[in-house]
C-alpha atoms as a PDB file:
ATOM      1  CA  MET A   1       5.618  44.472 -30.431  1.00  0.00           C
ATOM      2  CA  SER A   2       5.356  41.318 -31.939  1.00  0.00           C
ATOM      3  CA  TYR A   3       7.907  39.350 -33.448  1.00  0.00           C
ATOM      4  CA  ARG A   4       6.267  40.239 -36.129  1.00  0.00           C
ATOM      5  CA  ASP A   5       5.986  43.420 -35.729  1.00  0.00           C
ATOM      6  CA  ILE A   6       9.107  44.806 -35.206  1.00  0.00           C
ATOM      7  CA  SER A   7      10.804  41.891 -37.855  1.00  0.00           C
ATOM      8  CA  ALA A   8       8.183  44.375 -40.349  1.00  0.00           C
ATOM      9  CA  HIS A   9       9.721  47.646 -39.260  1.00  0.00           C
ATOM     10  CA  ILE A  10      12.821  46.651 -39.712  1.00  0.00           C
ATOM     11  CA  LYS A  11      11.974  45.735 -42.779  1.00  0.00           C
ATOM     12  CA  GLU A  12      10.182  49.071 -43.645  1.00  0.00           C
ATOM     13  CA  MET A  13      13.365  51.276 -41.898  1.00  0.00           C
ATOM     14  CA  TYR A  14      16.203  49.763 -43.293  1.00  0.00           C
ATOM     15  CA  ASN A  15      15.223  47.128 -45.195  1.00  0.00           C
ATOM     16  CA  GLU A  16      16.816  44.695 -43.730  1.00  0.00           C
ATOM     17  CA  SER A  17      15.047  41.265 -43.332  1.00  0.00           C
ATOM     18  CA  ILE A  18      15.420  40.089 -40.150  1.00  0.00           C
ATOM     19  CA  SER A  19      13.273  36.600 -39.198  1.00  0.00           C
ATOM     20  CA  ALA A  20      11.042  36.411 -36.028  1.00  0.00           C
ATOM     21  CA  GLN A  21      12.640  33.815 -35.272  1.00  0.00           C
ATOM     22  CA  THR A  22      16.049  35.027 -35.166  1.00  0.00           C
ATOM     23  CA  LEU A  23      14.655  37.750 -32.383  1.00  0.00           C
ATOM     24  CA  SER A  24      13.607  35.725 -30.418  1.00  0.00           C
ATOM     25  CA  ASP A  25      16.454  33.682 -30.063  1.00  0.00           C
ATOM     26  CA  ILE A  26      17.909  36.875 -29.590  1.00  0.00           C
ATOM     27  CA  THR A  27      15.433  37.463 -26.409  1.00  0.00           C
ATOM     28  CA  ASP A  28      16.834  34.451 -25.443  1.00  0.00           C
ATOM     29  CA  ARG A  29      19.843  35.715 -24.664  1.00  0.00           C
ATOM     30  CA  ILE A  30      18.514  37.141 -21.724  1.00  0.00           C
ATOM     31  CA  ILE A  31      16.997  33.946 -19.852  1.00  0.00           C
ATOM     32  CA  PRO A  32      20.170  33.311 -18.160  1.00  0.00           C
ATOM     33  CA  SER A  33      19.545  37.055 -16.193  1.00  0.00           C
ATOM     34  CA  VAL A  34      15.738  35.951 -15.866  1.00  0.00           C
ATOM     35  CA  LYS A  35      16.790  32.531 -14.189  1.00  0.00           C
ATOM     36  CA  SER A  36      19.445  34.457 -12.366  1.00  0.00           C
ATOM     37  CA  TRP A  37      17.503  37.161 -10.870  1.00  0.00           C
ATOM     38  CA  GLN A  38      14.835  34.672  -9.559  1.00  0.00           C
ATOM     39  CA  SER A  39      17.201  32.680  -7.377  1.00  0.00           C
ATOM     40  CA  ARG A  40      18.901  36.101  -6.168  1.00  0.00           C
ATOM     41  CA  ALA A  41      20.353  36.304  -2.742  1.00  0.00           C
ATOM     42  CA  LEU A  42      16.816  37.984  -0.587  1.00  0.00           C
ATOM     43  CA  GLN A  43      16.977  40.012   2.712  1.00  0.00           C
ATOM     44  CA  ALA A  44      16.878  38.791   6.344  1.00  0.00           C
ATOM     45  CA  VAL A  45      13.404  40.237   7.049  1.00  0.00           C
ATOM     46  CA  TYR A  46      11.265  41.816   5.105  1.00  0.00           C
ATOM     47  CA  PRO A  47       8.945  44.831   6.924  1.00  0.00           C
ATOM     48  CA  ILE A  48       5.881  44.538   4.497  1.00  0.00           C
ATOM     49  CA  VAL A  49       4.577  42.344   1.666  1.00  0.00           C
ATOM     50  CA  TRP A  50       2.243  42.276  -0.601  1.00  0.00           C
ATOM     51  CA  LEU A  51       1.483  38.693  -2.578  1.00  0.00           C
ATOM     52  CA  ASP A  52      -1.186  38.241  -5.761  1.00  0.00           C
ATOM     53  CA  ALA A  53      -1.323  36.737  -9.590  1.00  0.00           C
ATOM     54  CA  MET A  54      -2.236  38.203 -12.472  1.00  0.00           C
ATOM     55  CA  HIS A  55      -3.908  36.119 -15.173  1.00  0.00           C
ATOM     56  CA  TYR A  56      -2.489  35.380 -19.035  1.00  0.00           C
ATOM     57  CA  LYS A  57      -3.139  33.793 -21.673  1.00  0.00           C
ATOM     58  CA  VAL A  58      -0.063  31.296 -23.582  1.00  0.00           C
ATOM     59  CA  ARG A  59      -0.792  28.699 -26.229  1.00  0.00           C
ATOM     60  CA  GLU A  60       0.596  25.302 -25.522  1.00  0.00           C
ATOM     61  CA  GLY A  61       0.060  22.599 -28.180  1.00  0.00           C
ATOM     62  CA  GLY A  62      -1.710  24.705 -30.051  1.00  0.00           C
ATOM     63  CA  GLN A  63      -4.526  25.255 -27.160  1.00  0.00           C
ATOM     64  CA  VAL A  64      -4.789  28.760 -26.013  1.00  0.00           C
ATOM     65  CA  VAL A  65      -4.602  27.774 -21.637  1.00  0.00           C
ATOM     66  CA  SER A  66      -4.461  30.393 -19.126  1.00  0.00           C
ATOM     67  CA  ARG A  67      -1.411  30.984 -16.803  1.00  0.00           C
ATOM     68  CA  ALA A  68      -0.562  33.465 -13.610  1.00  0.00           C
ATOM     69  CA  ILE A  69       2.138  34.990 -12.346  1.00  0.00           C
ATOM     70  CA  TYR A  70       2.407  34.699  -9.221  1.00  0.00           C
ATOM     71  CA  ASN A  71       3.792  38.426  -7.628  1.00  0.00           C
ATOM     72  CA  VAL A  72       5.671  38.917  -4.286  1.00  0.00           C
ATOM     73  CA  LEU A  73       6.362  42.660  -3.366  1.00  0.00           C
ATOM     74  CA  ALA A  74       7.898  43.687  -0.369  1.00  0.00           C
ATOM     75  CA  ILE A  75       9.023  46.674   0.968  1.00  0.00           C
ATOM     76  CA  ASN A  76      12.543  46.815   2.170  1.00  0.00           C
ATOM     77  CA  LYS A  77      14.894  47.661   5.675  1.00  0.00           C
ATOM     78  CA  GLU A  78      15.443  50.704   3.880  1.00  0.00           C
ATOM     79  CA  GLY A  79      11.941  51.411   2.954  1.00  0.00           C
ATOM     80  CA  LYS A  80      11.889  50.636  -0.528  1.00  0.00           C
ATOM     81  CA  LYS A  81      10.028  48.947  -2.671  1.00  0.00           C
ATOM     82  CA  GLU A  82      11.125  45.773  -3.774  1.00  0.00           C
ATOM     83  CA  HIS A  83       9.907  42.575  -6.640  1.00  0.00           C
ATOM     84  CA  ILE A  84      11.616  40.088  -4.967  1.00  0.00           C
ATOM     85  CA  GLY A  85       9.769  36.814  -6.936  1.00  0.00           C
ATOM     86  CA  VAL A  86       8.216  36.085  -9.692  1.00  0.00           C
ATOM     87  CA  TYR A  87       6.748  32.395 -10.816  1.00  0.00           C
ATOM     88  CA  VAL A  88       4.747  30.817 -13.375  1.00  0.00           C
ATOM     89  CA  SER A  89       1.893  28.389 -12.708  1.00  0.00           C
ATOM     90  CA  GLU A  90      -1.490  26.793 -14.764  1.00  0.00           C
ATOM     91  CA  SER A  91      -3.344  28.831 -11.821  1.00  0.00           C
ATOM     92  CA  GLU A  92      -4.056  30.679  -8.429  1.00  0.00           C
ATOM     93  CA  GLY A  93      -4.112  28.257  -5.168  1.00  0.00           C
ATOM     94  CA  ALA A  94      -2.902  28.417  -2.206  1.00  0.00           C
ATOM     95  CA  LYS A  95      -0.447  25.141  -2.943  1.00  0.00           C
ATOM     96  CA  PHE A  96       1.472  27.214  -4.920  1.00  0.00           C
ATOM     97  CA  TRP A  97       1.525  30.412  -2.941  1.00  0.00           C
ATOM     98  CA  LEU A  98       2.811  27.524  -0.184  1.00  0.00           C
ATOM     99  CA  SER A  99       5.879  26.444  -2.852  1.00  0.00           C
ATOM    100  CA  VAL A 100       6.383  30.476  -3.511  1.00  0.00           C
ATOM    101  CA  LEU A 101       6.801  30.789   0.056  1.00  0.00           C
ATOM    102  CA  THR A 102       8.567  27.994   0.618  1.00  0.00           C
ATOM    103  CA  ASP A 103      11.588  29.326  -2.868  1.00  0.00           C
ATOM    104  CA  LEU A 104      10.767  32.422  -0.475  1.00  0.00           C
ATOM    105  CA  LYS A 105      12.143  30.713   2.424  1.00  0.00           C
ATOM    106  CA  ASN A 106      14.951  29.185   0.519  1.00  0.00           C
ATOM    107  CA  ARG A 107      17.214  31.901  -0.675  1.00  0.00           C
ATOM    108  CA  GLY A 108      17.407  33.877   2.297  1.00  0.00           C
ATOM    109  CA  LEU A 109      13.971  35.417   3.589  1.00  0.00           C
ATOM    110  CA  GLU A 110      13.424  34.546   7.382  1.00  0.00           C
ATOM    111  CA  ASP A 111      10.480  36.764   8.832  1.00  0.00           C
ATOM    112  CA  ILE A 112       7.743  38.585   7.355  1.00  0.00           C
ATOM    113  CA  LEU A 113       6.517  40.819   9.471  1.00  0.00           C
ATOM    114  CA  ILE A 114       3.198  42.123   7.588  1.00  0.00           C
ATOM    115  CA  ALA A 115       1.618  40.185   4.834  1.00  0.00           C
ATOM    116  CA  CYS A 116      -1.333  41.994   2.604  1.00  0.00           C
ATOM    117  CA  THR A 117      -3.119  39.362   0.949  1.00  0.00           C
ATOM    118  CA  ASP A 118      -6.490  38.394  -1.182  1.00  0.00           C
ATOM    119  CA  ASN A 119      -9.090  36.404   0.383  1.00  0.00           C
ATOM    120  CA  LEU A 120      -8.130  33.715  -1.418  1.00  0.00           C
ATOM    121  CA  LYS A 121      -9.103  30.490   0.172  1.00  0.00           C
ATOM    122  CA  GLY A 122      -6.490  28.747   1.964  1.00  0.00           C
ATOM    123  CA  PHE A 123      -3.937  31.211   1.867  1.00  0.00           C
ATOM    124  CA  SER A 124      -3.080  32.598   5.406  1.00  0.00           C
ATOM    125  CA  GLU A 125      -2.013  28.598   6.434  1.00  0.00           C
ATOM    126  CA  SER A 126       0.403  28.907   3.312  1.00  0.00           C
ATOM    127  CA  ILE A 127       1.374  31.620   4.609  1.00  0.00           C
ATOM    128  CA  HIS A 128       2.105  30.152   8.521  1.00  0.00           C
ATOM    129  CA  SER A 129       3.285  26.945   7.340  1.00  0.00           C
ATOM    130  CA  VAL A 130       6.306  29.158   6.176  1.00  0.00           C
ATOM    131  CA  PHE A 131       6.288  31.898   8.089  1.00  0.00           C
ATOM    132  CA  PRO A 132       4.261  31.264  11.109  1.00  0.00           C
ATOM    133  CA  LYS A 133       4.470  34.541  13.189  1.00  0.00           C
ATOM    134  CA  THR A 134       4.070  36.635  10.026  1.00  0.00           C
ATOM    135  CA  GLU A 135       0.694  38.889  10.767  1.00  0.00           C
ATOM    136  CA  ILE A 136      -1.717  38.818   8.255  1.00  0.00           C
ATOM    137  CA  GLN A 137      -3.517  41.970   6.585  1.00  0.00           C
ATOM    138  CA  LYS A 138      -6.393  40.801   4.303  1.00  0.00           C
ATOM    139  CA  CYS A 139      -7.432  43.259   1.545  1.00  0.00           C
ATOM    140  CA  VAL A 140     -10.355  45.504   3.022  1.00  0.00           C
ATOM    141  CA  VAL A 141     -11.452  46.131  -1.325  1.00  0.00           C
ATOM    142  CA  HIS A 142     -11.309  42.771  -2.337  1.00  0.00           C
ATOM    143  CA  GLN A 143     -14.505  42.076   1.007  1.00  0.00           C
ATOM    144  CA  ILE A 144     -15.652  45.304   0.418  1.00  0.00           C
ATOM    145  CA  ARG A 145     -15.662  44.276  -3.611  1.00  0.00           C
ATOM    146  CA  ASN A 146     -17.076  40.784  -3.228  1.00  0.00           C
ATOM    147  CA  SER A 147     -19.439  41.700  -0.551  1.00  0.00           C
ATOM    148  CA  ILE A 148     -21.021  44.590  -3.170  1.00  0.00           C
ATOM    149  CA  LYS A 149     -21.498  41.384  -5.569  1.00  0.00           C
ATOM    150  CA  TYR A 150     -23.841  40.036  -3.865  1.00  0.00           C
ATOM    151  CA  VAL A 151     -26.018  42.968  -1.813  1.00  0.00           C
ATOM    152  CA  ALA A 152     -29.739  43.587  -4.391  1.00  0.00           C
ATOM    153  CA  SER A 153     -29.205  46.892  -6.848  1.00  0.00           C
ATOM    154  CA  LYS A 154     -31.842  48.290  -4.668  1.00  0.00           C
ATOM    155  CA  ASP A 155     -29.882  48.230  -1.356  1.00  0.00           C
ATOM    156  CA  GLN A 156     -26.041  48.645  -2.412  1.00  0.00           C
ATOM    157  CA  LYS A 157     -26.318  52.433  -1.902  1.00  0.00           C
ATOM    158  CA  ALA A 158     -27.738  51.973   2.144  1.00  0.00           C
ATOM    159  CA  PHE A 159     -25.194  48.861   2.437  1.00  0.00           C
ATOM    160  CA  ILE A 160     -22.982  51.023   1.585  1.00  0.00           C
ATOM    161  CA  LYS A 161     -23.111  54.019   4.171  1.00  0.00           C
ATOM    162  CA  ASP A 162     -23.715  51.173   6.525  1.00  0.00           C
ATOM    163  CA  LEU A 163     -20.696  49.557   5.876  1.00  0.00           C
ATOM    164  CA  LYS A 164     -17.562  52.404   5.338  1.00  0.00           C
ATOM    165  CA  PRO A 165     -17.902  53.456   9.093  1.00  0.00           C
ATOM    166  CA  VAL A 166     -16.254  49.867   9.756  1.00  0.00           C
ATOM    167  CA  TYR A 167     -13.325  49.651   7.610  1.00  0.00           C
ATOM    168  CA  GLN A 168     -13.132  53.623   8.445  1.00  0.00           C
ATOM    169  CA  ALA A 169     -13.490  53.870  12.469  1.00  0.00           C
ATOM    170  CA  VAL A 170     -10.752  55.035  14.234  1.00  0.00           C
ATOM    171  CA  SER A 171      -9.904  52.590  16.404  1.00  0.00           C
ATOM    172  CA  LEU A 172     -10.849  48.944  16.429  1.00  0.00           C
ATOM    173  CA  ASN A 173     -13.398  49.232  18.952  1.00  0.00           C
ATOM    174  CA  GLU A 174     -15.313  51.480  17.318  1.00  0.00           C
ATOM    175  CA  ALA A 175     -14.979  49.245  14.388  1.00  0.00           C
ATOM    176  CA  GLU A 176     -16.373  46.511  15.863  1.00  0.00           C
ATOM    177  CA  ILE A 177     -19.299  49.233  17.524  1.00  0.00           C
ATOM    178  CA  LYS A 178     -20.144  49.732  13.517  1.00  0.00           C
ATOM    179  CA  MET A 179     -20.021  46.202  12.940  1.00  0.00           C
ATOM    180  CA  LEU A 180     -22.993  45.243  15.596  1.00  0.00           C
ATOM    181  CA  GLU A 181     -24.536  48.067  14.010  1.00  0.00           C
ATOM    182  CA  LEU A 182     -24.302  46.332   9.877  1.00  0.00           C
ATOM    183  CA  GLU A 183     -25.417  42.687  11.936  1.00  0.00           C
ATOM    184  CA  GLU A 184     -27.923  43.921  13.202  1.00  0.00           C
ATOM    185  CA  LYS A 185     -28.976  46.173  10.699  1.00  0.00           C
ATOM    186  CA  TRP A 186     -28.217  43.365   7.941  1.00  0.00           C
ATOM    187  CA  ALA A 187     -28.136  39.779   9.138  1.00  0.00           C
ATOM    188  CA  LYS A 188     -31.397  38.861   8.408  1.00  0.00           C
ATOM    189  CA  LYS A 189     -31.369  39.640   4.796  1.00  0.00           C
ATOM    190  CA  TYR A 190     -27.268  39.165   3.864  1.00  0.00           C
ATOM    191  CA  PRO A 191     -26.662  35.710   6.289  1.00  0.00           C
ATOM    192  CA  LEU A 192     -23.838  35.310   4.666  1.00  0.00           C
ATOM    193  CA  ILE A 193     -21.916  38.338   3.622  1.00  0.00           C
ATOM    194  CA  ILE A 194     -21.491  39.277   7.356  1.00  0.00           C
ATOM    195  CA  GLN A 195     -21.108  36.171   8.569  1.00  0.00           C
ATOM    196  CA  SER A 196     -17.892  36.399   5.682  1.00  0.00           C
ATOM    197  CA  TRP A 197     -16.941  39.323   8.034  1.00  0.00           C
ATOM    198  CA  GLN A 198     -17.685  38.178  11.090  1.00  0.00           C
ATOM    199  CA  ASN A 199     -15.192  34.733  10.162  1.00  0.00           C
ATOM    200  CA  ASN A 200     -12.530  37.204   8.465  1.00  0.00           C
ATOM    201  CA  TRP A 201     -12.478  39.952  10.990  1.00  0.00           C
ATOM    202  CA  GLU A 202      -9.459  38.983  13.135  1.00  0.00           C
ATOM    203  CA  GLU A 203      -7.977  39.632   9.609  1.00  0.00           C
ATOM    204  CA  LEU A 204      -9.526  42.371   8.134  1.00  0.00           C
ATOM    205  CA  THR A 205      -8.918  44.302  10.746  1.00  0.00           C
ATOM    206  CA  ALA A 206      -5.043  44.462  11.594  1.00  0.00           C
ATOM    207  CA  TYR A 207      -4.391  47.955  10.967  1.00  0.00           C
ATOM    208  CA  PHE A 208      -6.460  49.002  13.112  1.00  0.00           C
ATOM    209  CA  GLN A 209      -3.025  48.366  15.706  1.00  0.00           C
ATOM    210  CA  TYR A 210      -1.156  51.244  13.482  1.00  0.00           C
ATOM    211  CA  ASP A 211      -1.581  55.179  12.816  1.00  0.00           C
ATOM    212  CA  GLN A 212      -2.361  56.119  10.069  1.00  0.00           C
ATOM    213  CA  SER A 213       1.599  56.027   8.165  1.00  0.00           C
ATOM    214  CA  ILE A 214       1.214  52.429   8.244  1.00  0.00           C
ATOM    215  CA  ARG A 215      -2.456  51.644   7.711  1.00  0.00           C
ATOM    216  CA  LYS A 216      -3.082  53.445   4.587  1.00  0.00           C
ATOM    217  CA  ILE A 217      -0.264  50.697   2.958  1.00  0.00           C
ATOM    218  CA  ILE A 218      -1.671  47.828   4.527  1.00  0.00           C
ATOM    219  CA  TYR A 219      -5.352  47.724   4.745  1.00  0.00           C
ATOM    220  CA  THR A 220      -5.475  46.685   1.241  1.00  0.00           C
ATOM    221  CA  THR A 221      -3.499  44.992  -1.768  1.00  0.00           C
ATOM    222  CA  ASN A 222      -3.682  48.281  -4.111  1.00  0.00           C
ATOM    223  CA  ALA A 223       0.501  48.502  -3.932  1.00  0.00           C
ATOM    224  CA  VAL A 224       1.020  45.454  -5.802  1.00  0.00           C
ATOM    225  CA  GLU A 225      -1.936  45.888  -8.112  1.00  0.00           C
ATOM    226  CA  GLY A 226      -0.845  48.996  -8.815  1.00  0.00           C
ATOM    227  CA  PHE A 227       2.124  47.151 -10.209  1.00  0.00           C
ATOM    228  CA  HIS A 228       0.475  44.883 -12.171  1.00  0.00           C
ATOM    229  CA  ARG A 229      -1.332  47.587 -14.215  1.00  0.00           C
ATOM    230  CA  GLN A 230       1.887  49.300 -14.929  1.00  0.00           C
ATOM    231  CA  ILE A 231       2.786  45.188 -16.276  1.00  0.00           C
ATOM    232  CA  ARG A 232      -0.021  45.256 -18.167  1.00  0.00           C
ATOM    233  CA  LYS A 233       0.559  48.573 -20.019  1.00  0.00           C
ATOM    234  CA  VAL A 234       3.422  46.539 -21.320  1.00  0.00           C
ATOM    235  CA  THR A 235       1.632  43.128 -21.998  1.00  0.00           C
ATOM    236  CA  LYS A 236      -1.783  44.681 -23.162  1.00  0.00           C
ATOM    237  CA  THR A 237      -0.849  44.377 -27.412  1.00  0.00           C
ATOM    238  CA  LYS A 238      -0.184  40.832 -26.541  1.00  0.00           C
ATOM    239  CA  GLY A 239      -3.177  38.056 -27.187  1.00  0.00           C
ATOM    240  CA  ALA A 240      -1.840  35.123 -26.532  1.00  0.00           C
ATOM    241  CA  PHE A 241       2.484  34.705 -25.221  1.00  0.00           C
ATOM    242  CA  PRO A 242       4.093  31.553 -27.585  1.00  0.00           C
ATOM    243  CA  THR A 243       5.439  30.303 -24.410  1.00  0.00           C
ATOM    244  CA  ASP A 244       5.928  30.780 -19.888  1.00  0.00           C
ATOM    245  CA  MET A 245       9.498  31.257 -20.942  1.00  0.00           C
ATOM    246  CA  SER A 246       7.973  34.549 -23.754  1.00  0.00           C
ATOM    247  CA  LEU A 247       6.005  35.866 -20.598  1.00  0.00           C
ATOM    248  CA  LEU A 248       8.710  36.071 -18.098  1.00  0.00           C
ATOM    249  CA  LYS A 249      10.713  37.452 -19.864  1.00  0.00           C
ATOM    250  CA  LEU A 250       8.460  39.715 -21.025  1.00  0.00           C
ATOM    251  CA  VAL A 251       7.317  40.932 -17.233  1.00  0.00           C
ATOM    252  CA  TYR A 252      10.847  40.527 -16.050  1.00  0.00           C
ATOM    253  CA  LEU A 253      12.005  43.011 -18.147  1.00  0.00           C
ATOM    254  CA  ALA A 254       9.511  45.546 -17.375  1.00  0.00           C
ATOM    255  CA  SER A 255       9.545  44.817 -13.482  1.00  0.00           C
ATOM    256  CA  GLU A 256      13.281  45.758 -13.787  1.00  0.00           C
ATOM    257  CA  ASN A 257      11.991  49.170 -15.284  1.00  0.00           C
ATOM    258  CA  ILE A 258       8.784  49.763 -13.276  1.00  0.00           C
ATOM    259  CA  SER A 259      11.802  49.829 -10.355  1.00  0.00           C
ATOM    260  CA  LYS A 260      14.139  52.147 -11.451  1.00  0.00           C
ATOM    261  CA  LYS A 261      11.403  55.140  -9.550  1.00  0.00           C
ATOM    262  CA  TRP A 262      11.729  52.986  -6.526  1.00  0.00           C
ATOM    263  CA  GLY A 263      14.791  54.717  -5.652  1.00  0.00           C
ATOM    264  CA  HIS A 264      13.766  56.190  -2.151  1.00  0.00           C
ATOM    265  CA  PRO A 265      11.590  55.344   0.618  1.00  0.00           C
ATOM    266  CA  ILE A 266       8.208  55.633   0.808  1.00  0.00           C
ATOM    267  CA  HIS A 267       6.774  58.475   2.185  1.00  0.00           C
ATOM    268  CA  ASN A 268       6.847  58.518   6.025  1.00  0.00           C
ATOM    269  CA  TRP A 269       8.870  55.659   6.437  1.00  0.00           C
ATOM    270  CA  GLY A 270      11.591  56.199   9.173  1.00  0.00           C
ATOM    271  CA  LEU A 271       8.572  57.055  11.699  1.00  0.00           C
ATOM    272  CA  ALA A 272       6.625  53.205  10.686  1.00  0.00           C
ATOM    273  CA  ALA A 273       9.850  51.704  10.875  1.00  0.00           C
ATOM    274  CA  GLN A 274      10.573  53.358  14.609  1.00  0.00           C
ATOM    275  CA  GLN A 275       6.450  52.071  14.912  1.00  0.00           C
ATOM    276  CA  LEU A 276       7.223  48.453  13.617  1.00  0.00           C
ATOM    277  CA  ALA A 277      10.588  47.868  15.522  1.00  0.00           C
ATOM    278  CA  ILE A 278       8.645  48.897  18.980  1.00  0.00           C
ATOM    279  CA  LYS A 279       5.646  46.752  17.997  1.00  0.00           C
ATOM    280  CA  PHE A 280       8.128  43.637  17.322  1.00  0.00           C
ATOM    281  CA  GLU A 281      10.778  43.962  18.891  1.00  0.00           C
ATOM    282  CA  GLY A 282      13.507  41.372  18.455  1.00  0.00           C
ATOM    283  CA  ARG A 283      11.466  40.973  14.735  1.00  0.00           C
ATOM    284  CA  PHE A 284      12.519  43.967  13.052  1.00  0.00           C
ATOM    285  CA  ASN A 285      15.497  45.921  13.711  1.00  0.00           C
ATOM    286  CA  ILE A 286      16.288  49.999  12.445  1.00  0.00           C
ATOM    287  CA  GLY A 287      19.619  50.229  13.357  1.00  0.00           C
ATOM    288  CA  LEU A 288      19.103  53.125  16.324  1.00  0.00           C
END
């Protein structure tokens, strides 16, 4: 509800008048909590991190402008989800992600084992400039969507059928074989699509190193996108926010509410943690 909606509701229910400005002043009391949360200390190691942005409108100087909310969602050492960072910028880009990652490091984060991202240009380079050992897994679902957009309607069904064995393969070797078959059939007609898969192959197929307990967690950014869907349930009634801080306050409060459901480790975390401890020996200790 907007401040004016709340004010009208209070007037109707209790015959008391509270101005929108007074309500704004009341909610501003949470700003120190927001800033404290944004700057809180982090664990030294997060085994899995998802990074993604969502977009909103904010009023500025009599105009409505776009804002990007950068969210960093992680799995901590205990296997529980944790929202470790939220930032506001004018737009989404690798340059701002670099500042986000630098801030995470300044807050005590020393290492990320696996970072799950979309296909934003320069994203991997930004991550490796701050966390050079981090393994990148680009979102396979994003890659599929981006590919299908450029396939003619009459070819989409056949192309999807031939593409599915690539990303659903049981091993990297099988995926490579299926990719060669895809290339042989479709490269002449859709060379840029095939080239995109080839150029990003290493970061699209990192998940093949693991069994299903980890694969299903990292092959897509669905975890953070699901988090975004829950945020939008709270913010969907807003056409445009009056300020960046009003946007940040609502995202923070929504996040705090959502995170109450994250009291338990994700499914099969014990098995996944053991695999990660073996693969990233010396970087991830599960305490056995």
